[in-house]
PDB file of all heavy atoms in Angstrom:
ATOM      1  N   ASN A   1      -5.626 -11.462-128.695  1.00  0.00           N
ATOM      2  CA  ASN A   1      -4.699 -10.828-127.757  1.00  0.00           C
ATOM      3  C   ASN A   1      -3.265 -10.999-128.247  1.00  0.00           C
ATOM      4  O   ASN A   1      -2.951 -11.930-128.980  1.00  0.00           O
ATOM      5  CB  ASN A   1      -4.835 -11.461-126.367  1.00  0.00           C
ATOM      6  CG  ASN A   1      -6.226 -11.332-125.803  1.00  0.00           C
ATOM      7  OD1 ASN A   1      -6.658 -10.247-125.424  1.00  0.00           O
ATOM      8  ND2 ASN A   1      -6.952 -12.447-125.747  1.00  0.00           N
ATOM      9  N   ILE A   2      -2.391 -10.109-127.808  1.00  0.00           N
ATOM     10  CA  ILE A   2      -0.947 -10.255-128.026  1.00  0.00           C
ATOM     11  C   ILE A   2      -0.329 -10.560-126.668  1.00  0.00           C
ATOM     12  O   ILE A   2      -0.462  -9.774-125.724  1.00  0.00           O
ATOM     13  CB  ILE A   2      -0.339  -8.975-128.618  1.00  0.00           C
ATOM     14  CG1 ILE A   2      -0.965  -8.669-129.977  1.00  0.00           C
ATOM     15  CG2 ILE A   2       1.175  -9.110-128.752  1.00  0.00           C
ATOM     16  CD1 ILE A   2      -0.551  -7.329-130.568  1.00  0.00           C
ATOM     17  N   MET A   3       0.317 -11.715-126.553  1.00  0.00           N
ATOM     18  CA  MET A   3       0.884 -12.154-125.284  1.00  0.00           C
ATOM     19  C   MET A   3       2.373 -12.409-125.465  1.00  0.00           C
ATOM     20  O   MET A   3       2.769 -13.206-126.317  1.00  0.00           O
ATOM     21  CB  MET A   3       0.186 -13.426-124.804  1.00  0.00           C
ATOM     22  CG  MET A   3      -1.333 -13.371-124.850  1.00  0.00           C
ATOM     23  SD  MET A   3      -2.064 -14.893-124.210  1.00  0.00           S
ATOM     24  CE  MET A   3      -3.685 -14.835-124.971  1.00  0.00           C
ATOM     25  N   HIS A   4       3.174 -11.739-124.668  1.00  0.00           N
ATOM     26  CA  HIS A   4       4.614 -11.904-124.812  1.00  0.00           C
ATOM     27  C   HIS A   4       5.304 -11.740-123.469  1.00  0.00           C
ATOM     28  O   HIS A   4       4.802 -11.091-122.546  1.00  0.00           O
ATOM     29  CB  HIS A   4       5.177 -10.900-125.823  1.00  0.00           C
ATOM     30  CG  HIS A   4       5.018  -9.458-125.410  1.00  0.00           C
ATOM     31  ND1 HIS A   4       5.984  -8.784-124.675  1.00  0.00           N
ATOM     32  CD2 HIS A   4       4.023  -8.569-125.620  1.00  0.00           C
ATOM     33  CE1 HIS A   4       5.582  -7.545-124.457  1.00  0.00           C
ATOM     34  NE2 HIS A   4       4.393  -7.388-125.018  1.00  0.00           N
ATOM     35  N   ASP A   5       6.474 -12.366-123.362  1.00  0.00           N
ATOM     36  CA  ASP A   5       7.295 -12.267-122.156  1.00  0.00           C
ATOM     37  C   ASP A   5       6.530 -12.683-120.907  1.00  0.00           C
ATOM     38  O   ASP A   5       6.547 -12.022-119.863  1.00  0.00           O
ATOM     39  CB  ASP A   5       7.873 -10.850-122.014  1.00  0.00           C
ATOM     40  CG  ASP A   5       8.806 -10.506-123.166  1.00  0.00           C
ATOM     41  OD1 ASP A   5       9.931 -11.054-123.190  1.00  0.00           O
ATOM     42  OD2 ASP A   5       8.394  -9.741-124.058  1.00  0.00           O
ATOM     43  N   ASN A   6       5.824 -13.817-121.040  1.00  0.00           N
ATOM     44  CA  ASN A   6       5.196 -14.514-119.926  1.00  0.00           C
ATOM     45  C   ASN A   6       5.800 -15.922-119.857  1.00  0.00           C
ATOM     46  O   ASN A   6       6.466 -16.372-120.793  1.00  0.00           O
ATOM     47  CB  ASN A   6       3.685 -14.639-120.144  1.00  0.00           C
ATOM     48  CG  ASN A   6       2.997 -13.310-120.371  1.00  0.00           C
ATOM     49  OD1 ASN A   6       2.823 -12.529-119.448  1.00  0.00           O
ATOM     50  ND2 ASN A   6       2.580 -13.056-121.614  1.00  0.00           N
ATOM     51  N   ASP A   7       5.549 -16.634-118.765  1.00  0.00           N
ATOM     52  CA  ASP A   7       5.942 -18.045-118.764  1.00  0.00           C
ATOM     53  C   ASP A   7       5.258 -18.763-119.921  1.00  0.00           C
ATOM     54  O   ASP A   7       5.892 -19.464-120.696  1.00  0.00           O
ATOM     55  CB  ASP A   7       5.558 -18.703-117.436  1.00  0.00           C
ATOM     56  CG  ASP A   7       6.498 -18.316-116.305  1.00  0.00           C
ATOM     57  OD1 ASP A   7       7.561 -17.725-116.585  1.00  0.00           O
ATOM     58  OD2 ASP A   7       6.172 -18.606-115.136  1.00  0.00           O
ATOM     59  N   SER A   8       3.946 -18.588-120.018  1.00  0.00           N
ATOM     60  CA  SER A   8       3.151 -19.071-121.153  1.00  0.00           C
ATOM     61  C   SER A   8       2.157 -17.979-121.524  1.00  0.00           C
ATOM     62  O   SER A   8       1.737 -17.191-120.661  1.00  0.00           O
ATOM     63  CB  SER A   8       2.388 -20.350-120.797  1.00  0.00           C
ATOM     64  OG  SER A   8       3.274 -21.430-120.570  1.00  0.00           O
ATOM     65  N   GLY A   9       1.775 -17.950-122.793  1.00  0.00           N
ATOM     66  CA  GLY A   9       0.717 -17.018-123.152  1.00  0.00           C
ATOM     67  C   GLY A   9      -0.568 -17.378-122.428  1.00  0.00           C
ATOM     68  O   GLY A   9      -1.200 -16.548-121.781  1.00  0.00           O
ATOM     69  N   VAL A  10      -0.943 -18.660-122.561  1.00  0.00           N
ATOM     70  CA  VAL A  10      -2.113 -19.202-121.867  1.00  0.00           C
ATOM     71  C   VAL A  10      -1.672 -20.450-121.113  1.00  0.00           C
ATOM     72  O   VAL A  10      -1.090 -21.362-121.699  1.00  0.00           O
ATOM     73  CB  VAL A  10      -3.247 -19.557-122.856  1.00  0.00           C
ATOM     74  CG1 VAL A  10      -4.444 -20.154-122.112  1.00  0.00           C
ATOM     75  CG2 VAL A  10      -3.662 -18.334-123.667  1.00  0.00           C
ATOM     76  N   TRP A  11      -1.943 -20.483-119.834  1.00  0.00           N
ATOM     77  CA  TRP A  11      -1.593 -21.642-118.992  1.00  0.00           C
ATOM     78  C   TRP A  11      -2.811 -21.998-118.156  1.00  0.00           C
ATOM     79  O   TRP A  11      -3.206 -21.251-117.263  1.00  0.00           O
ATOM     80  CB  TRP A  11      -0.405 -21.309-118.087  1.00  0.00           C
ATOM     81  CG  TRP A  11       0.167 -22.489-117.353  1.00  0.00           C
ATOM     82  CD1 TRP A  11       1.097 -23.380-117.831  1.00  0.00           C
ATOM     83  CD2 TRP A  11      -0.123 -22.900-116.018  1.00  0.00           C
ATOM     84  NE1 TRP A  11       1.383 -24.318-116.871  1.00  0.00           N
ATOM     85  CE2 TRP A  11       0.639 -24.049-115.746  1.00  0.00           C
ATOM     86  CE3 TRP A  11      -0.985 -22.415-115.015  1.00  0.00           C
ATOM     87  CZ2 TRP A  11       0.593 -24.726-114.523  1.00  0.00           C
ATOM     88  CZ3 TRP A  11      -1.036 -23.084-113.806  1.00  0.00           C
ATOM     89  CH2 TRP A  11      -0.247 -24.220-113.566  1.00  0.00           C
ATOM     90  N   ILE A  12      -3.456 -23.127-118.503  1.00  0.00           N
ATOM     91  CA  ILE A  12      -4.685 -23.494-117.812  1.00  0.00           C
ATOM     92  C   ILE A  12      -4.623 -24.937-117.320  1.00  0.00           C
ATOM     93  O   ILE A  12      -4.055 -25.819-117.973  1.00  0.00           O
ATOM     94  CB  ILE A  12      -5.937 -23.270-118.688  1.00  0.00           C
ATOM     95  CG1 ILE A  12      -5.896 -24.099-119.967  1.00  0.00           C
ATOM     96  CG2 ILE A  12      -6.075 -21.795-119.026  1.00  0.00           C
ATOM     97  CD1 ILE A  12      -7.150 -23.938-120.826  1.00  0.00           C
ATOM     98  N   VAL A  13      -5.217 -25.157-116.157  1.00  0.00           N
ATOM     99  CA  VAL A  13      -5.218 -26.459-115.492  1.00  0.00           C
ATOM    100  C   VAL A  13      -6.657 -26.834-115.150  1.00  0.00           C
ATOM    101  O   VAL A  13      -7.435 -25.985-114.677  1.00  0.00           O
ATOM    102  CB  VAL A  13      -4.376 -26.405-114.199  1.00  0.00           C
ATOM    103  CG1 VAL A  13      -4.381 -27.760-113.505  1.00  0.00           C
ATOM    104  CG2 VAL A  13      -2.953 -25.962-114.497  1.00  0.00           C
ATOM    105  N   LEU A  14      -7.008 -28.096-115.395  1.00  0.00           N
ATOM    106  CA  LEU A  14      -8.356 -28.585-115.089  1.00  0.00           C
ATOM    107  C   LEU A  14      -9.407 -27.617-115.621  1.00  0.00           C
ATOM    108  O   LEU A  14     -10.327 -27.203-114.912  1.00  0.00           O
ATOM    109  CB  LEU A  14      -8.520 -28.797-113.580  1.00  0.00           C
ATOM    110  CG  LEU A  14      -7.708 -29.963-112.988  1.00  0.00           C
ATOM    111  CD1 LEU A  14      -7.790 -29.952-111.465  1.00  0.00           C
ATOM    112  CD2 LEU A  14      -8.208 -31.301-113.530  1.00  0.00           C
ATOM    113  N   SER A  15      -9.263 -27.290-116.889  1.00  0.00           N
ATOM    114  CA  SER A  15     -10.146 -26.316-117.533  1.00  0.00           C
ATOM    115  C   SER A  15     -10.657 -26.906-118.840  1.00  0.00           C
ATOM    116  O   SER A  15      -9.893 -27.531-119.581  1.00  0.00           O
ATOM    117  CB  SER A  15      -9.393 -25.009-117.808  1.00  0.00           C
ATOM    118  OG  SER A  15      -8.909 -24.448-116.605  1.00  0.00           O
ATOM    119  N   ASP A  16     -11.933 -26.723-119.137  1.00  0.00           N
ATOM    120  CA  ASP A  16     -12.504 -27.382-120.311  1.00  0.00           C
ATOM    121  C   ASP A  16     -13.505 -26.491-121.039  1.00  0.00           C
ATOM    122  O   ASP A  16     -14.008 -25.509-120.489  1.00  0.00           O
ATOM    123  CB  ASP A  16     -13.189 -28.694-119.898  1.00  0.00           C
ATOM    124  CG  ASP A  16     -14.262 -28.494-118.841  1.00  0.00           C
ATOM    125  OD1 ASP A  16     -15.418 -28.222-119.210  1.00  0.00           O
ATOM    126  OD2 ASP A  16     -13.957 -28.622-117.643  1.00  0.00           O
ATOM    127  N   HIS A  17     -13.730 -26.851-122.291  1.00  0.00           N
ATOM    128  CA  HIS A  17     -14.711 -26.182-123.145  1.00  0.00           C
ATOM    129  C   HIS A  17     -14.427 -24.681-123.309  1.00  0.00           C
ATOM    130  O   HIS A  17     -15.341 -23.859-123.316  1.00  0.00           O
ATOM    131  CB  HIS A  17     -16.132 -26.412-122.627  1.00  0.00           C
ATOM    132  CG  HIS A  17     -16.558 -27.849-122.689  1.00  0.00           C
ATOM    133  ND1 HIS A  17     -16.390 -28.718-121.625  1.00  0.00           N
ATOM    134  CD2 HIS A  17     -17.092 -28.576-123.696  1.00  0.00           C
ATOM    135  CE1 HIS A  17     -16.829 -29.911-121.960  1.00  0.00           C
ATOM    136  NE2 HIS A  17     -17.253 -29.863-123.217  1.00  0.00           N
ATOM    137  N   ASN A  18     -13.145 -24.371-123.439  1.00  0.00           N
ATOM    138  CA  ASN A  18     -12.737 -22.992-123.714  1.00  0.00           C
ATOM    139  C   ASN A  18     -12.310 -22.861-125.176  1.00  0.00           C
ATOM    140  O   ASN A  18     -11.916 -23.832-125.815  1.00  0.00           O
ATOM    141  CB  ASN A  18     -11.580 -22.585-122.805  1.00  0.00           C
ATOM    142  CG  ASN A  18     -11.946 -22.681-121.342  1.00  0.00           C
ATOM    143  OD1 ASN A  18     -12.779 -21.935-120.852  1.00  0.00           O
ATOM    144  ND2 ASN A  18     -11.325 -23.624-120.631  1.00  0.00           N
ATOM    145  N   LEU A  19     -12.372 -21.647-125.690  1.00  0.00           N
ATOM    146  CA  LEU A  19     -11.957 -21.350-127.059  1.00  0.00           C
ATOM    147  C   LEU A  19     -10.784 -20.380-127.015  1.00  0.00           C
ATOM    148  O   LEU A  19     -10.890 -19.286-126.458  1.00  0.00           O
ATOM    149  CB  LEU A  19     -13.123 -20.735-127.834  1.00  0.00           C
ATOM    150  CG  LEU A  19     -12.834 -20.245-129.263  1.00  0.00           C
ATOM    151  CD1 LEU A  19     -12.318 -21.369-130.140  1.00  0.00           C
ATOM    152  CD2 LEU A  19     -14.101 -19.608-129.861  1.00  0.00           C
ATOM    153  N   ILE A  20      -9.654 -20.807-127.582  1.00  0.00           N
ATOM    154  CA  ILE A  20      -8.438 -19.997-127.606  1.00  0.00           C
ATOM    155  C   ILE A  20      -8.081 -19.775-129.076  1.00  0.00           C
ATOM    156  O   ILE A  20      -7.641 -20.701-129.755  1.00  0.00           O
ATOM    157  CB  ILE A  20      -7.281 -20.697-126.860  1.00  0.00           C
ATOM    158  CG1 ILE A  20      -7.711 -21.044-125.430  1.00  0.00           C
ATOM    159  CG2 ILE A  20      -6.028 -19.833-126.846  1.00  0.00           C
ATOM    160  CD1 ILE A  20      -6.738 -21.971-124.706  1.00  0.00           C
ATOM    161  N   LYS A  21      -8.251 -18.553-129.582  1.00  0.00           N
ATOM    162  CA  LYS A  21      -8.098 -18.355-131.020  1.00  0.00           C
ATOM    163  C   LYS A  21      -7.528 -16.967-131.332  1.00  0.00           C
ATOM    164  O   LYS A  21      -7.681 -16.007-130.575  1.00  0.00           O
ATOM    165  CB  LYS A  21      -9.440 -18.518-131.727  1.00  0.00           C
ATOM    166  CG  LYS A  21     -10.463 -17.452-131.364  1.00  0.00           C
ATOM    167  CD  LYS A  21     -11.719 -17.535-132.230  1.00  0.00           C
ATOM    168  CE  LYS A  21     -12.689 -16.393-131.926  1.00  0.00           C
ATOM    169  NZ  LYS A  21     -13.833 -16.375-132.833  1.00  0.00           N
ATOM    170  N   ASN A  22      -6.838 -16.900-132.457  1.00  0.00           N
ATOM    171  CA  ASN A  22      -6.396 -15.620-133.054  1.00  0.00           C
ATOM    172  C   ASN A  22      -5.525 -14.788-132.125  1.00  0.00           C
ATOM    173  O   ASN A  22      -5.573 -13.554-132.150  1.00  0.00           O
ATOM    174  CB  ASN A  22      -7.607 -14.791-133.512  1.00  0.00           C
ATOM    175  CG  ASN A  22      -8.446 -15.495-134.558  1.00  0.00           C
ATOM    176  OD1 ASN A  22      -7.952 -16.349-135.286  1.00  0.00           O
ATOM    177  ND2 ASN A  22      -9.723 -15.153-134.619  1.00  0.00           N
ATOM    178  N   ASN A  23      -4.743 -15.456-131.291  1.00  0.00           N
ATOM    179  CA  ASN A  23      -3.807 -14.748-130.420  1.00  0.00           C
ATOM    180  C   ASN A  23      -2.401 -14.791-131.008  1.00  0.00           C
ATOM    181  O   ASN A  23      -2.018 -15.763-131.660  1.00  0.00           O
ATOM    182  CB  ASN A  23      -3.798 -15.387-129.028  1.00  0.00           C
ATOM    183  CG  ASN A  23      -5.157 -15.348-128.361  1.00  0.00           C
ATOM    184  OD1 ASN A  23      -5.625 -14.304-127.941  1.00  0.00           O
ATOM    185  ND2 ASN A  23      -5.795 -16.514-128.275  1.00  0.00           N
ATOM    186  N   ILE A  24      -1.626 -13.744-130.768  1.00  0.00           N
ATOM    187  CA  ILE A  24      -0.207 -13.723-131.138  1.00  0.00           C
ATOM    188  C   ILE A  24       0.595 -13.913-129.857  1.00  0.00           C
ATOM    189  O   ILE A  24       0.438 -13.153-128.902  1.00  0.00           O
ATOM    190  CB  ILE A  24       0.163 -12.396-131.824  1.00  0.00           C
ATOM    191  CG1 ILE A  24      -0.638 -12.234-133.128  1.00  0.00           C
ATOM    192  CG2 ILE A  24       1.665 -12.306-132.085  1.00  0.00           C
ATOM    193  CD1 ILE A  24      -0.486 -10.870-133.773  1.00  0.00           C
ATOM    194  N   ILE A  25       1.433 -14.948-129.836  1.00  0.00           N
ATOM    195  CA  ILE A  25       2.161 -15.294-128.619  1.00  0.00           C
ATOM    196  C   ILE A  25       3.642 -15.464-128.953  1.00  0.00           C
ATOM    197  O   ILE A  25       3.989 -16.220-129.869  1.00  0.00           O
ATOM    198  CB  ILE A  25       1.617 -16.595-127.992  1.00  0.00           C
ATOM    199  CG1 ILE A  25       0.100 -16.475-127.756  1.00  0.00           C
ATOM    200  CG2 ILE A  25       2.333 -16.916-126.687  1.00  0.00           C
ATOM    201  CD1 ILE A  25      -0.559 -17.770-127.314  1.00  0.00           C
ATOM    202  N   TYR A  26       4.507 -14.757-128.216  1.00  0.00           N
ATOM    203  CA  TYR A  26       5.938 -14.903-128.468  1.00  0.00           C
ATOM    204  C   TYR A  26       6.726 -14.614-127.195  1.00  0.00           C
ATOM    205  O   TYR A  26       6.204 -14.070-126.219  1.00  0.00           O
ATOM    206  CB  TYR A  26       6.384 -13.995-129.622  1.00  0.00           C
ATOM    207  CG  TYR A  26       6.199 -12.502-129.396  1.00  0.00           C
ATOM    208  CD1 TYR A  26       7.227 -11.718-128.877  1.00  0.00           C
ATOM    209  CD2 TYR A  26       4.997 -11.873-129.724  1.00  0.00           C
ATOM    210  CE1 TYR A  26       7.075 -10.344-128.697  1.00  0.00           C
ATOM    211  CE2 TYR A  26       4.828 -10.509-129.532  1.00  0.00           C
ATOM    212  CZ  TYR A  26       5.872  -9.746-129.021  1.00  0.00           C
ATOM    213  OH  TYR A  26       5.705  -8.394-128.830  1.00  0.00           O
ATOM    214  N   ASN A  27       8.006 -14.989-127.234  1.00  0.00           N
ATOM    215  CA  ASN A  27       8.918 -14.810-126.094  1.00  0.00           C
ATOM    216  C   ASN A  27       8.378 -15.441-124.807  1.00  0.00           C
ATOM    217  O   ASN A  27       8.478 -14.862-123.724  1.00  0.00           O
ATOM    218  CB  ASN A  27       9.220 -13.327-125.844  1.00  0.00           C
ATOM    219  CG  ASN A  27      10.177 -12.747-126.859  1.00  0.00           C
ATOM    220  OD1 ASN A  27      10.712 -13.462-127.712  1.00  0.00           O
ATOM    221  ND2 ASN A  27      10.400 -11.451-126.789  1.00  0.00           N
ATOM    222  N   SER A  28       7.823 -16.642-124.953  1.00  0.00           N
ATOM    223  CA  SER A  28       7.339 -17.365-123.777  1.00  0.00           C
ATOM    224  C   SER A  28       8.479 -18.158-123.151  1.00  0.00           C
ATOM    225  O   SER A  28       9.284 -18.777-123.862  1.00  0.00           O
ATOM    226  CB  SER A  28       6.203 -18.319-124.166  1.00  0.00           C
ATOM    227  OG  SER A  28       5.113 -17.600-124.713  1.00  0.00           O
ATOM    228  N   GLY A  29       8.537 -18.144-121.828  1.00  0.00           N
ATOM    229  CA  GLY A  29       9.578 -18.917-121.146  1.00  0.00           C
ATOM    230  C   GLY A  29       9.320 -20.400-121.202  1.00  0.00           C
ATOM    231  O   GLY A  29      10.253 -21.212-121.111  1.00  0.00           O
ATOM    232  N   GLU A  30       8.056 -20.790-121.340  1.00  0.00           N
ATOM    233  CA  GLU A  30       7.674 -22.196-121.454  1.00  0.00           C
ATOM    234  C   GLU A  30       6.898 -22.367-122.761  1.00  0.00           C
ATOM    235  O   GLU A  30       7.164 -21.652-123.717  1.00  0.00           O
ATOM    236  CB  GLU A  30       6.851 -22.594-120.222  1.00  0.00           C
ATOM    237  CG  GLU A  30       7.596 -22.369-118.902  1.00  0.00           C
ATOM    238  CD  GLU A  30       6.727 -22.617-117.694  1.00  0.00           C
ATOM    239  OE1 GLU A  30       5.608 -23.145-117.846  1.00  0.00           O
ATOM    240  OE2 GLU A  30       7.153 -22.264-116.573  1.00  0.00           O
ATOM    241  N   ALA A  31       5.935 -23.281-122.790  1.00  0.00           N
ATOM    242  CA  ALA A  31       5.118 -23.451-123.993  1.00  0.00           C
ATOM    243  C   ALA A  31       4.233 -22.231-124.199  1.00  0.00           C
ATOM    244  O   ALA A  31       3.723 -21.660-123.233  1.00  0.00           O
ATOM    245  CB  ALA A  31       4.254 -24.699-123.856  1.00  0.00           C
ATOM    246  N   PRO A  32       4.042 -21.792-125.432  1.00  0.00           N
ATOM    247  CA  PRO A  32       3.177 -20.637-125.674  1.00  0.00           C
ATOM    248  C   PRO A  32       1.757 -20.836-125.129  1.00  0.00           C
ATOM    249  O   PRO A  32       1.171 -19.925-124.549  1.00  0.00           O
ATOM    250  CB  PRO A  32       3.176 -20.505-127.199  1.00  0.00           C
ATOM    251  CG  PRO A  32       4.460 -21.126-127.632  1.00  0.00           C
ATOM    252  CD  PRO A  32       4.689 -22.261-126.677  1.00  0.00           C
ATOM    253  N   ILE A  33       1.214 -22.042-125.355  1.00  0.00           N
ATOM    254  CA  ILE A  33      -0.091 -22.396-124.802  1.00  0.00           C
ATOM    255  C   ILE A  33       0.074 -23.733-124.082  1.00  0.00           C
ATOM    256  O   ILE A  33       0.506 -24.723-124.687  1.00  0.00           O
ATOM    257  CB  ILE A  33      -1.174 -22.510-125.888  1.00  0.00           C
ATOM    258  CG1 ILE A  33      -1.346 -21.164-126.598  1.00  0.00           C
ATOM    259  CG2 ILE A  33      -2.498 -22.993-125.301  1.00  0.00           C
ATOM    260  CD1 ILE A  33      -2.306 -21.212-127.781  1.00  0.00           C
ATOM    261  N   ARG A  34      -0.280 -23.758-122.827  1.00  0.00           N
ATOM    262  CA  ARG A  34      -0.068 -24.957-122.028  1.00  0.00           C
ATOM    263  C   ARG A  34      -1.387 -25.375-121.379  1.00  0.00           C
ATOM    264  O   ARG A  34      -1.983 -24.616-120.613  1.00  0.00           O
ATOM    265  CB  ARG A  34       0.991 -24.710-120.958  1.00  0.00           C
ATOM    266  CG  ARG A  34       1.342 -25.944-120.155  1.00  0.00           C
ATOM    267  CD  ARG A  34       2.494 -25.666-119.219  1.00  0.00           C
ATOM    268  NE  ARG A  34       2.857 -26.848-118.461  1.00  0.00           N
ATOM    269  CZ  ARG A  34       3.814 -26.886-117.536  1.00  0.00           C
ATOM    270  NH1 ARG A  34       4.514 -25.790-117.270  1.00  0.00           N
ATOM    271  NH2 ARG A  34       4.080 -27.998-116.884  1.00  0.00           N
ATOM    272  N   LEU A  35      -1.839 -26.585-121.694  1.00  0.00           N
ATOM    273  CA  LEU A  35      -3.082 -27.132-121.159  1.00  0.00           C
ATOM    274  C   LEU A  35      -2.751 -28.374-120.339  1.00  0.00           C
ATOM    275  O   LEU A  35      -2.193 -29.337-120.861  1.00  0.00           O
ATOM    276  CB  LEU A  35      -4.056 -27.503-122.280  1.00  0.00           C
ATOM    277  CG  LEU A  35      -4.274 -26.459-123.384  1.00  0.00           C
ATOM    278  CD1 LEU A  35      -5.212 -27.023-124.449  1.00  0.00           C
ATOM    279  CD2 LEU A  35      -4.850 -25.186-122.813  1.00  0.00           C
ATOM    280  N   LYS A  36      -3.095 -28.374-119.066  1.00  0.00           N
ATOM    281  CA  LYS A  36      -2.801 -29.496-118.181  1.00  0.00           C
ATOM    282  C   LYS A  36      -4.117 -30.089-117.668  1.00  0.00           C
ATOM    283  O   LYS A  36      -4.927 -29.385-117.063  1.00  0.00           O
ATOM    284  CB  LYS A  36      -1.939 -29.028-117.000  1.00  0.00           C
ATOM    285  CG  LYS A  36      -1.601 -30.126-116.008  1.00  0.00           C
ATOM    286  CD  LYS A  36      -0.776 -29.573-114.848  1.00  0.00           C
ATOM    287  CE  LYS A  36      -0.487 -30.659-113.825  1.00  0.00           C
ATOM    288  NZ  LYS A  36       0.252 -30.118-112.644  1.00  0.00           N
TER     289      LYS A  36
END
């Protein structure tokens, strides 16, 4: 995916066993990928 002009490209909380790969992320207001 191409993710831009979001707070984060991917923002997930209490989430596990996911695969996040081959994405283009830019112009994020926070971290491009944020895992909490």
